[in-house]
Amino acid sequence: MLLMRAIVRPEKKDEVLANLSAAGFNAATMVDVVGRGKQKGIKIGGMVYDEIPKVLILMVIPDEEKDRVVKIVLETGRTGANGTFGDGKIFVSPVDEVYTISKNSRGL
């Protein structure tokens, strides 16, 4: 199992989630977050905005589905044909254990 953390623009959240759901990946947790990337924010005129709103999408997925899920987020989360700074990031890491609280059981 893998944990995918995708940070996307707020205006892309619904489209990303719809495409993931259409591909059979319905379970997700979303959190509104703020942050900045390598550019240290956005400078508009004399103002620097270093807390840019984003959405963090968390999903636990089977190892064998990683490439498919990442491809959906990459294609759907990108703005414009070539993408733009600030479109987001995807982080994938292993999950050692999962427990379902309502069933008092281990596993998805």
N, C-alpha and C. Protein backbone atom coordinates (compact mmCIF):
# COMPACT_ATOMS: atom_id res chain seq x y z
N MET A 1 0.83 -1.18 0.00
CA MET A 1 0.00 0.00 0.00
C MET A 1 0.88 1.24 0.00
N LEU A 2 0.36 2.28 -0.60
CA LEU A 2 1.08 3.55 -0.71
C LEU A 2 0.19 4.70 -0.29
N LEU A 3 0.81 5.73 0.27
CA LEU A 3 0.10 6.97 0.57
C LEU A 3 0.48 7.99 -0.48
N MET A 4 -0.51 8.47 -1.21
CA MET A 4 -0.28 9.52 -2.19
C MET A 4 -0.79 10.82 -1.59
N ARG A 5 0.10 11.81 -1.54
CA ARG A 5 -0.26 13.15 -1.10
C ARG A 5 -0.11 14.06 -2.31
N ALA A 6 -1.21 14.58 -2.79
CA ALA A 6 -1.19 15.46 -3.95
C ALA A 6 -1.60 16.86 -3.50
N ILE A 7 -0.75 17.83 -3.80
CA ILE A 7 -1.06 19.22 -3.51
C ILE A 7 -1.44 19.87 -4.83
N VAL A 8 -2.69 20.34 -4.92
CA VAL A 8 -3.20 20.90 -6.18
C VAL A 8 -3.82 22.27 -5.94
N ARG A 9 -4.01 22.99 -7.02
CA ARG A 9 -4.70 24.29 -6.95
C ARG A 9 -6.15 24.04 -6.55
N PRO A 10 -6.73 24.93 -5.74
CA PRO A 10 -8.12 24.75 -5.30
C PRO A 10 -9.10 24.62 -6.46
N GLU A 11 -8.87 25.35 -7.53
CA GLU A 11 -9.80 25.30 -8.66
C GLU A 11 -9.70 23.99 -9.44
N LYS A 12 -8.68 23.17 -9.16
CA LYS A 12 -8.52 21.88 -9.83
C LYS A 12 -9.02 20.71 -8.99
N LYS A 13 -9.32 20.96 -7.72
CA LYS A 13 -9.70 19.89 -6.80
C LYS A 13 -10.86 19.05 -7.32
N ASP A 14 -11.96 19.67 -7.69
CA ASP A 14 -13.14 18.92 -8.11
C ASP A 14 -12.87 18.08 -9.35
N GLU A 15 -12.14 18.63 -10.29
CA GLU A 15 -11.83 17.89 -11.52
C GLU A 15 -10.92 16.69 -11.23
N VAL A 16 -9.92 16.90 -10.39
CA VAL A 16 -9.02 15.80 -10.02
C VAL A 16 -9.81 14.70 -9.32
N LEU A 17 -10.63 15.08 -8.35
CA LEU A 17 -11.41 14.08 -7.61
C LEU A 17 -12.41 13.36 -8.51
N ALA A 18 -13.03 14.08 -9.44
CA ALA A 18 -13.99 13.45 -10.36
C ALA A 18 -13.30 12.42 -11.24
N ASN A 19 -12.12 12.75 -11.75
CA ASN A 19 -11.40 11.81 -12.61
C ASN A 19 -10.88 10.61 -11.83
N LEU A 20 -10.45 10.83 -10.59
CA LEU A 20 -10.03 9.71 -9.75
C LEU A 20 -11.22 8.80 -9.46
N SER A 21 -12.35 9.40 -9.14
CA SER A 21 -13.56 8.62 -8.85
C SER A 21 -14.02 7.84 -10.08
N ALA A 22 -13.97 8.46 -11.25
CA ALA A 22 -14.36 7.78 -12.49
C ALA A 22 -13.46 6.57 -12.77
N ALA A 23 -12.23 6.63 -12.28
CA ALA A 23 -11.29 5.52 -12.47
C ALA A 23 -11.39 4.49 -11.35
N GLY A 24 -12.33 4.71 -10.41
CA GLY A 24 -12.55 3.74 -9.34
C GLY A 24 -11.85 4.06 -8.03
N PHE A 25 -11.26 5.23 -7.93
CA PHE A 25 -10.57 5.62 -6.69
C PHE A 25 -11.43 6.66 -5.98
N ASN A 26 -12.34 6.19 -5.14
CA ASN A 26 -13.31 7.07 -4.49
C ASN A 26 -12.85 7.60 -3.14
N ALA A 27 -12.06 6.82 -2.43
CA ALA A 27 -11.67 7.18 -1.06
C ALA A 27 -10.55 8.22 -1.08
N ALA A 28 -10.83 9.37 -0.49
CA ALA A 28 -9.83 10.44 -0.44
C ALA A 28 -10.15 11.35 0.74
N THR A 29 -9.11 11.96 1.27
CA THR A 29 -9.25 12.97 2.30
C THR A 29 -8.71 14.27 1.72
N MET A 30 -9.45 15.35 1.89
CA MET A 30 -9.02 16.66 1.37
C MET A 30 -8.85 17.63 2.53
N VAL A 31 -7.79 18.42 2.45
CA VAL A 31 -7.51 19.42 3.46
C VAL A 31 -7.11 20.70 2.75
N ASP A 32 -7.75 21.82 3.12
CA ASP A 32 -7.32 23.12 2.59
C ASP A 32 -6.03 23.51 3.32
N VAL A 33 -5.01 23.84 2.55
CA VAL A 33 -3.71 24.21 3.11
C VAL A 33 -3.20 25.48 2.45
N VAL A 34 -2.17 26.07 3.02
CA VAL A 34 -1.47 27.19 2.39
C VAL A 34 0.01 26.87 2.41
N GLY A 35 0.72 27.41 1.45
CA GLY A 35 2.16 27.18 1.39
C GLY A 35 2.77 27.92 0.24
N ARG A 36 4.03 27.59 0.00
CA ARG A 36 4.73 28.20 -1.12
C ARG A 36 5.76 27.20 -1.62
N GLY A 37 6.16 27.36 -2.86
CA GLY A 37 7.13 26.48 -3.47
C GLY A 37 8.50 27.14 -3.56
N LYS A 38 9.26 26.67 -4.50
CA LYS A 38 10.63 27.15 -4.70
C LYS A 38 10.69 28.64 -4.99
N GLN A 39 9.62 29.18 -5.56
CA GLN A 39 9.60 30.59 -5.95
C GLN A 39 9.39 31.52 -4.76
N LYS A 40 9.15 30.96 -3.57
CA LYS A 40 8.94 31.73 -2.35
C LYS A 40 7.69 32.60 -2.42
N GLY A 41 6.67 32.15 -3.13
CA GLY A 41 5.43 32.89 -3.21
C GLY A 41 5.29 33.60 -4.54
N ILE A 42 4.38 34.54 -4.57
CA ILE A 42 4.09 35.30 -5.78
C ILE A 42 4.26 36.78 -5.47
N LYS A 43 4.94 37.49 -6.36
CA LYS A 43 5.10 38.94 -6.20
C LYS A 43 4.21 39.63 -7.22
N ILE A 44 3.29 40.45 -6.71
CA ILE A 44 2.39 41.22 -7.57
C ILE A 44 2.57 42.68 -7.18
N GLY A 45 3.15 43.45 -8.09
CA GLY A 45 3.47 44.83 -7.76
C GLY A 45 4.52 44.82 -6.65
N GLY A 46 4.25 45.54 -5.58
CA GLY A 46 5.18 45.59 -4.45
C GLY A 46 4.84 44.58 -3.36
N MET A 47 3.77 43.81 -3.55
CA MET A 47 3.34 42.85 -2.53
C MET A 47 3.85 41.45 -2.83
N VAL A 48 4.29 40.76 -1.80
CA VAL A 48 4.69 39.36 -1.92
C VAL A 48 3.68 38.52 -1.15
N TYR A 49 3.09 37.56 -1.84
CA TYR A 49 2.13 36.64 -1.23
C TYR A 49 2.84 35.30 -1.07
N ASP A 50 3.16 34.96 0.19
CA ASP A 50 3.91 33.73 0.41
C ASP A 50 3.06 32.62 1.03
N GLU A 51 1.78 32.87 1.19
CA GLU A 51 0.86 31.84 1.65
C GLU A 51 -0.19 31.63 0.57
N ILE A 52 0.11 30.72 -0.33
CA ILE A 52 -0.74 30.46 -1.49
C ILE A 52 -1.71 29.33 -1.14
N PRO A 53 -3.02 29.52 -1.35
CA PRO A 53 -3.97 28.45 -1.03
C PRO A 53 -3.83 27.27 -1.98
N LYS A 54 -3.88 26.08 -1.41
CA LYS A 54 -3.84 24.82 -2.15
C LYS A 54 -4.78 23.84 -1.47
N VAL A 55 -4.96 22.67 -2.08
CA VAL A 55 -5.72 21.57 -1.48
C VAL A 55 -4.80 20.36 -1.44
N LEU A 56 -4.75 19.72 -0.28
CA LEU A 56 -3.98 18.50 -0.10
C LEU A 56 -4.95 17.33 -0.19
N ILE A 57 -4.71 16.45 -1.16
CA ILE A 57 -5.53 15.25 -1.33
C ILE A 57 -4.70 14.06 -0.87
N LEU A 58 -5.25 13.31 0.08
CA LEU A 58 -4.57 12.13 0.63
C LEU A 58 -5.33 10.89 0.22
N MET A 59 -4.60 9.90 -0.29
CA MET A 59 -5.22 8.64 -0.69
C MET A 59 -4.27 7.49 -0.38
N VAL A 60 -4.82 6.39 0.14
CA VAL A 60 -4.06 5.16 0.27
C VAL A 60 -4.46 4.27 -0.89
N ILE A 61 -3.46 3.84 -1.65
CA ILE A 61 -3.73 3.09 -2.88
C ILE A 61 -2.87 1.82 -2.92
N PRO A 62 -3.30 0.80 -3.66
CA PRO A 62 -2.47 -0.38 -3.83
C PRO A 62 -1.21 -0.04 -4.64
N ASP A 63 -0.11 -0.70 -4.33
CA ASP A 63 1.16 -0.45 -5.02
C ASP A 63 1.01 -0.50 -6.54
N GLU A 64 0.26 -1.48 -7.01
CA GLU A 64 0.15 -1.69 -8.46
C GLU A 64 -0.69 -0.61 -9.17
N GLU A 65 -1.39 0.23 -8.41
CA GLU A 65 -2.21 1.30 -9.00
C GLU A 65 -1.50 2.66 -9.00
N LYS A 66 -0.29 2.71 -8.46
CA LYS A 66 0.42 3.99 -8.31
C LYS A 66 0.53 4.75 -9.62
N ASP A 67 1.03 4.11 -10.67
CA ASP A 67 1.25 4.81 -11.93
C ASP A 67 -0.05 5.38 -12.49
N ARG A 68 -1.13 4.62 -12.38
CA ARG A 68 -2.41 5.08 -12.91
C ARG A 68 -2.94 6.28 -12.12
N VAL A 69 -2.85 6.21 -10.80
CA VAL A 69 -3.34 7.32 -9.97
C VAL A 69 -2.50 8.57 -10.19
N VAL A 70 -1.18 8.42 -10.20
CA VAL A 70 -0.30 9.57 -10.41
C VAL A 70 -0.56 10.20 -11.77
N LYS A 71 -0.77 9.38 -12.80
CA LYS A 71 -1.04 9.90 -14.14
C LYS A 71 -2.32 10.73 -14.16
N ILE A 72 -3.35 10.26 -13.48
CA ILE A 72 -4.63 10.99 -13.43
C ILE A 72 -4.42 12.36 -12.78
N VAL A 73 -3.70 12.39 -11.66
CA VAL A 73 -3.50 13.66 -10.96
C VAL A 73 -2.62 14.59 -11.79
N LEU A 74 -1.56 14.05 -12.39
CA LEU A 74 -0.68 14.88 -13.23
C LEU A 74 -1.43 15.51 -14.39
N GLU A 75 -2.23 14.72 -15.07
CA GLU A 75 -2.95 15.21 -16.24
C GLU A 75 -4.08 16.17 -15.87
N THR A 76 -4.77 15.88 -14.77
CA THR A 76 -5.92 16.69 -14.39
C THR A 76 -5.53 17.93 -13.61
N GLY A 77 -4.46 17.85 -12.81
CA GLY A 77 -4.06 18.97 -11.97
C GLY A 77 -3.30 20.06 -12.69
N ARG A 78 -2.82 19.76 -13.88
CA ARG A 78 -2.01 20.73 -14.64
C ARG A 78 -2.90 21.82 -15.22
N THR A 79 -2.40 23.05 -15.19
CA THR A 79 -3.12 24.16 -15.83
C THR A 79 -2.45 24.45 -17.17
N GLY A 80 -3.25 24.62 -18.19
CA GLY A 80 -2.71 24.88 -19.52
C GLY A 80 -2.07 23.64 -20.11
N ALA A 81 -1.67 23.73 -21.34
CA ALA A 81 -1.09 22.58 -22.05
C ALA A 81 0.24 22.13 -21.46
N ASN A 82 1.03 23.07 -20.99
CA ASN A 82 2.36 22.74 -20.49
C ASN A 82 2.50 22.90 -18.98
N GLY A 83 1.42 23.22 -18.30
CA GLY A 83 1.50 23.43 -16.86
C GLY A 83 2.07 24.79 -16.52
N THR A 84 1.97 25.15 -15.25
CA THR A 84 2.40 26.45 -14.76
C THR A 84 3.02 26.28 -13.38
N PHE A 85 3.97 27.16 -13.04
CA PHE A 85 4.49 27.15 -11.68
C PHE A 85 3.31 27.22 -10.72
N GLY A 86 3.37 26.44 -9.66
CA GLY A 86 2.30 26.47 -8.66
C GLY A 86 1.20 25.46 -8.90
N ASP A 87 1.35 24.60 -9.92
CA ASP A 87 0.33 23.58 -10.16
C ASP A 87 0.30 22.53 -9.06
N GLY A 88 1.42 22.34 -8.36
CA GLY A 88 1.41 21.42 -7.22
C GLY A 88 2.50 20.37 -7.29
N LYS A 89 2.39 19.43 -6.37
CA LYS A 89 3.34 18.32 -6.24
C LYS A 89 2.58 17.07 -5.87
N ILE A 90 3.22 15.92 -6.13
CA ILE A 90 2.69 14.64 -5.70
C ILE A 90 3.81 13.93 -4.95
N PHE A 91 3.48 13.44 -3.76
CA PHE A 91 4.42 12.68 -2.96
C PHE A 91 3.83 11.29 -2.74
N VAL A 92 4.64 10.26 -2.93
CA VAL A 92 4.18 8.89 -2.73
C VAL A 92 5.13 8.22 -1.74
N SER A 93 4.57 7.61 -0.72
CA SER A 93 5.39 6.93 0.28
C SER A 93 4.69 5.65 0.74
N PRO A 94 5.47 4.71 1.27
CA PRO A 94 4.88 3.43 1.71
C PRO A 94 4.01 3.59 2.95
N VAL A 95 3.03 2.71 3.05
CA VAL A 95 2.16 2.62 4.23
C VAL A 95 2.40 1.24 4.82
N ASP A 96 2.81 1.20 6.08
CA ASP A 96 3.12 -0.08 6.72
C ASP A 96 1.87 -0.81 7.21
N GLU A 97 0.94 -0.05 7.78
CA GLU A 97 -0.25 -0.68 8.33
C GLU A 97 -1.45 0.25 8.19
N VAL A 98 -2.63 -0.36 8.09
CA VAL A 98 -3.89 0.39 8.05
C VAL A 98 -4.88 -0.34 8.95
N TYR A 99 -5.61 0.43 9.74
CA TYR A 99 -6.64 -0.14 10.60
C TYR A 99 -7.95 0.58 10.34
N THR A 100 -9.04 -0.18 10.27
CA THR A 100 -10.37 0.40 10.12
C THR A 100 -11.00 0.44 11.51
N ILE A 101 -11.25 1.64 12.00
CA ILE A 101 -11.73 1.82 13.36
C ILE A 101 -13.10 1.19 13.55
N SER A 102 -14.04 1.42 12.63
CA SER A 102 -15.41 0.93 12.81
C SER A 102 -15.48 -0.59 12.85
N LYS A 103 -14.58 -1.25 12.15
CA LYS A 103 -14.60 -2.73 12.10
C LYS A 103 -13.59 -3.33 13.07
N ASN A 104 -12.80 -2.48 13.72
CA ASN A 104 -11.77 -2.97 14.64
C ASN A 104 -10.90 -4.01 13.94
N SER A 105 -10.51 -3.68 12.69
CA SER A 105 -9.76 -4.64 11.91
C SER A 105 -8.57 -3.99 11.22
N ARG A 106 -7.64 -4.83 10.82
CA ARG A 106 -6.46 -4.38 10.11
C ARG A 106 -6.71 -4.54 8.61
N GLY A 107 -6.23 -3.58 7.82
CA GLY A 107 -6.35 -3.65 6.37
C GLY A 107 -7.39 -2.70 5.84
N LEU A 108 -7.36 -2.52 4.53
CA LEU A 108 -8.33 -1.63 3.88
C LEU A 108 -9.66 -2.33 3.87
